[in-house]
C-alpha atoms as a PDB file:
ATOM      1  CA  MET A   1     -30.100  34.843  40.769  1.00  0.00           C
ATOM      2  CA  PRO A   2     -27.520  35.617  38.174  1.00  0.00           C
ATOM      3  CA  LYS A   3     -26.045  31.626  38.932  1.00  0.00           C
ATOM      4  CA  SER A   4     -29.076  30.248  37.864  1.00  0.00           C
ATOM      5  CA  PRO A   5     -28.330  30.404  33.981  1.00  0.00           C
ATOM      6  CA  PHE A   6     -24.975  29.696  34.443  1.00  0.00           C
ATOM      7  CA  LEU A   7     -25.601  26.597  36.372  1.00  0.00           C
ATOM      8  CA  ALA A   8     -28.324  25.706  33.491  1.00  0.00           C
ATOM      9  CA  ALA A   9     -25.511  26.301  30.806  1.00  0.00           C
ATOM     10  CA  PHE A  10     -23.010  24.035  32.706  1.00  0.00           C
ATOM     11  CA  ALA A  11     -25.405  21.398  32.789  1.00  0.00           C
ATOM     12  CA  THR A  12     -26.525  21.629  29.186  1.00  0.00           C
ATOM     13  CA  VAL A  13     -22.656  21.383  28.431  1.00  0.00           C
ATOM     14  CA  LEU A  14     -22.127  18.450  30.580  1.00  0.00           C
ATOM     15  CA  ALA A  15     -25.025  16.415  29.156  1.00  0.00           C
ATOM     16  CA  ILE A  16     -23.779  16.952  25.529  1.00  0.00           C
ATOM     17  CA  ALA A  17     -20.242  15.700  26.651  1.00  0.00           C
ATOM     18  CA  SER A  18     -21.237  13.046  28.269  1.00  0.00           C
ATOM     19  CA  GLY A  19     -22.788  11.678  25.006  1.00  0.00           C
ATOM     20  CA  CYS A  20     -19.222  11.753  23.519  1.00  0.00           C
ATOM     21  CA  ALA A  21     -16.906   8.401  23.558  1.00  0.00           C
ATOM     22  CA  THR A  22     -13.858   8.727  25.634  1.00  0.00           C
ATOM     23  CA  GLU A  23     -10.522   7.593  23.722  1.00  0.00           C
ATOM     24  CA  GLN A  24     -10.437   4.656  26.087  1.00  0.00           C
ATOM     25  CA  GLN A  25     -13.950   3.602  24.874  1.00  0.00           C
ATOM     26  CA  MET A  26     -13.183   4.148  20.899  1.00  0.00           C
ATOM     27  CA  LEU A  27      -9.860   1.868  21.240  1.00  0.00           C
ATOM     28  CA  GLN A  28     -12.427  -0.666  22.883  1.00  0.00           C
ATOM     29  CA  GLN A  29     -14.949  -0.496  20.060  1.00  0.00           C
ATOM     30  CA  GLN A  30     -12.196  -0.986  17.769  1.00  0.00           C
ATOM     31  CA  GLN A  31     -10.287  -3.504  19.225  1.00  0.00           C
ATOM     32  CA  SER A  32     -11.926  -6.600  17.554  1.00  0.00           C
ATOM     33  CA  THR A  33     -11.746  -5.339  14.278  1.00  0.00           C
ATOM     34  CA  ALA A  34      -8.017  -4.739  14.730  1.00  0.00           C
ATOM     35  CA  MET A  35      -7.467  -8.235  16.105  1.00  0.00           C
ATOM     36  CA  ASP A  36      -9.278  -9.553  13.068  1.00  0.00           C
ATOM     37  CA  ALA A  37      -6.787  -7.805  10.891  1.00  0.00           C
ATOM     38  CA  ALA A  38      -3.681  -8.840  12.949  1.00  0.00           C
ATOM     39  CA  LEU A  39      -4.825 -12.571  12.861  1.00  0.00           C
ATOM     40  CA  GLN A  40      -5.486 -12.389   9.292  1.00  0.00           C
ATOM     41  CA  ARG A  41      -2.124 -11.151   8.333  1.00  0.00           C
ATOM     42  CA  GLY A  42      -0.332 -13.345  10.883  1.00  0.00           C
ATOM     43  CA  ARG A  43      -2.179 -16.516   9.948  1.00  0.00           C
ATOM     44  CA  PHE A  44      -1.049 -15.976   6.680  1.00  0.00           C
ATOM     45  CA  GLU A  45       2.732 -14.962   6.849  1.00  0.00           C
ATOM     46  CA  MET A  46       3.028 -17.567   9.885  1.00  0.00           C
ATOM     47  CA  ASN A  47       1.216 -20.474   7.445  1.00  0.00           C
ATOM     48  CA  CYS A  48      -0.667 -20.999  10.537  1.00  0.00           C
ATOM     49  CA  PRO A  49      -4.589 -21.278  10.688  1.00  0.00           C
ATOM     50  CA  THR A  50      -4.698 -21.821  14.502  1.00  0.00           C
ATOM     51  CA  ALA A  51      -2.702 -18.923  15.486  1.00  0.00           C
ATOM     52  CA  THR A  52      -4.006 -16.579  18.169  1.00  0.00           C
ATOM     53  CA  ALA A  53      -3.594 -13.184  19.174  1.00  0.00           C
ATOM     54  CA  VAL A  54      -3.322 -10.972  22.218  1.00  0.00           C
ATOM     55  CA  VAL A  55      -3.265  -7.015  22.184  1.00  0.00           C
ATOM     56  CA  LEU A  56      -0.151  -5.679  23.904  1.00  0.00           C
ATOM     57  CA  SER A  57      -0.667  -2.030  24.197  1.00  0.00           C
ATOM     58  CA  SER A  58      -3.193   0.341  22.472  1.00  0.00           C
ATOM     59  CA  ASP A  59      -3.005   3.992  21.619  1.00  0.00           C
ATOM     60  CA  PHE A  60      -5.429   6.893  20.350  1.00  0.00           C
ATOM     61  CA  ILE A  61      -3.279   8.972  17.827  1.00  0.00           C
ATOM     62  CA  GLN A  62      -4.718  12.545  17.261  1.00  0.00           C
ATOM     63  CA  PRO A  63      -4.032  14.185  13.822  1.00  0.00           C
ATOM     64  CA  ALA A  64      -0.429  15.534  13.207  1.00  0.00           C
ATOM     65  CA  ILE A  65      -2.418  18.683  10.828  1.00  0.00           C
ATOM     66  CA  GLN A  66      -5.176  20.284  12.958  1.00  0.00           C
ATOM     67  CA  GLY A  67      -5.652  23.743  11.255  1.00  0.00           C
ATOM     68  CA  GLY A  68      -9.204  23.624  12.423  1.00  0.00           C
ATOM     69  CA  PRO A  69     -12.619  24.316  10.591  1.00  0.00           C
ATOM     70  CA  TRP A  70     -12.231  27.999   9.672  1.00  0.00           C
ATOM     71  CA  LEU A  71      -8.906  26.696   7.794  1.00  0.00           C
ATOM     72  CA  GLY A  72     -10.261  23.791   6.319  1.00  0.00           C
ATOM     73  CA  VAL A  73      -7.500  21.271   7.008  1.00  0.00           C
ATOM     74  CA  GLN A  74      -8.226  18.568   9.420  1.00  0.00           C
ATOM     75  CA  GLY A  75      -6.352  15.262  10.055  1.00  0.00           C
ATOM     76  CA  ILE A  76      -7.701  11.852  10.980  1.00  0.00           C
ATOM     77  CA  ASN A  77      -8.027  10.087  14.409  1.00  0.00           C
ATOM     78  CA  ARG A  78      -6.226   6.881  14.337  1.00  0.00           C
ATOM     79  CA  LEU A  79      -6.470   4.045  16.667  1.00  0.00           C
ATOM     80  CA  GLU A  80      -3.260   1.904  16.928  1.00  0.00           C
ATOM     81  CA  TYR A  81      -2.882  -1.496  18.457  1.00  0.00           C
ATOM     82  CA  THR A  82       0.524  -3.639  18.734  1.00  0.00           C
ATOM     83  CA  ILE A  83      -0.588  -6.996  18.707  1.00  0.00           C
ATOM     84  CA  GLY A  84       1.106  -9.990  19.146  1.00  0.00           C
ATOM     85  CA  VAL A  85       0.035 -13.431  17.297  1.00  0.00           C
ATOM     86  CA  GLU A  86       1.575 -16.705  18.161  1.00  0.00           C
ATOM     87  CA  GLY A  87       0.995 -20.323  16.876  1.00  0.00           C
ATOM     88  CA  CYS A  88       2.570 -23.502  15.223  1.00  0.00           C
ATOM     89  CA  GLY A  89       5.621 -22.658  16.921  1.00  0.00           C
ATOM     90  CA  SER A  90       6.323 -18.954  16.076  1.00  0.00           C
ATOM     91  CA  ARG A  91       5.366 -15.876  17.075  1.00  0.00           C
ATOM     92  CA  THR A  92       5.292 -12.381  15.935  1.00  0.00           C
ATOM     93  CA  THR A  93       4.179  -8.737  16.518  1.00  0.00           C
ATOM     94  CA  LEU A  94       2.071  -6.461  14.401  1.00  0.00           C
ATOM     95  CA  VAL A  95       1.170  -2.599  14.398  1.00  0.00           C
ATOM     96  CA  VAL A  96      -2.822  -2.712  13.565  1.00  0.00           C
ATOM     97  CA  MET A  97      -3.759   1.087  12.505  1.00  0.00           C
ATOM     98  CA  CYS A  98      -7.557   2.166  12.219  1.00  0.00           C
ATOM     99  CA  GLN A  99      -9.100   5.084  11.192  1.00  0.00           C
ATOM    100  CA  GLN A 100     -11.554   6.344  13.866  1.00  0.00           C
ATOM    101  CA  GLY A 101     -15.204   5.684  12.508  1.00  0.00           C
ATOM    102  CA  SER A 102     -13.764   3.436   9.755  1.00  0.00           C
ATOM    103  CA  SER A 103     -14.858  -0.529   9.464  1.00  0.00           C
ATOM    104  CA  THR A 104     -11.521  -1.568   8.520  1.00  0.00           C
ATOM    105  CA  CYS A 105      -8.117  -1.458   9.861  1.00  0.00           C
ATOM    106  CA  PHE A 106      -4.459  -1.854   8.631  1.00  0.00           C
ATOM    107  CA  ALA A 107      -1.640  -4.548   9.884  1.00  0.00           C
ATOM    108  CA  ALA A 108       1.623  -3.823   9.283  1.00  0.00           C
ATOM    109  CA  ASN A 109       4.754  -6.181  10.174  1.00  0.00           C
ATOM    110  CA  PRO A 110       7.337  -3.702  11.657  1.00  0.00           C
ATOM    111  CA  ARG A 111      10.797  -4.156   9.316  1.00  0.00           C
ATOM    112  CA  GLY A 112      13.064  -6.768  10.373  1.00  0.00           C
ATOM    113  CA  ASN A 113      10.311  -8.248  12.665  1.00  0.00           C
ATOM    114  CA  GLU A 114       9.703 -12.011  10.708  1.00  0.00           C
ATOM    115  CA  PRO A 115       7.838 -14.454  12.839  1.00  0.00           C
ATOM    116  CA  GLN A 116      10.105 -16.379  15.126  1.00  0.00           C
ATOM    117  CA  PRO A 117      10.195 -19.694  16.495  1.00  0.00           C
ATOM    118  CA  ASN A 118       9.169 -20.251  20.299  1.00  0.00           C
END
């Protein structure tokens, strides 16, 4: 019977862990917000209210600073999307950063990446 407490503890840990969202699930949950941010910026910069967007890639970025709770130093998890915006005869690529758990994102146009004609 010594294995019984171990199995109960293991089952408890699995039950708790299954309630947590995976990195891929977090990226999926935030993707529409990132797309909206990219579309707003792309449509403005291209002067094209009918522009459309597509996600080219996405990545879960862990904090650069991870001191642990005992040091009181914690970074933030970020979700990064590379989104292509196209319309009115031109297209551009934007990098969108979202903070995990936030409802806002920031769309940045990489330096030298001005909207290009198709």
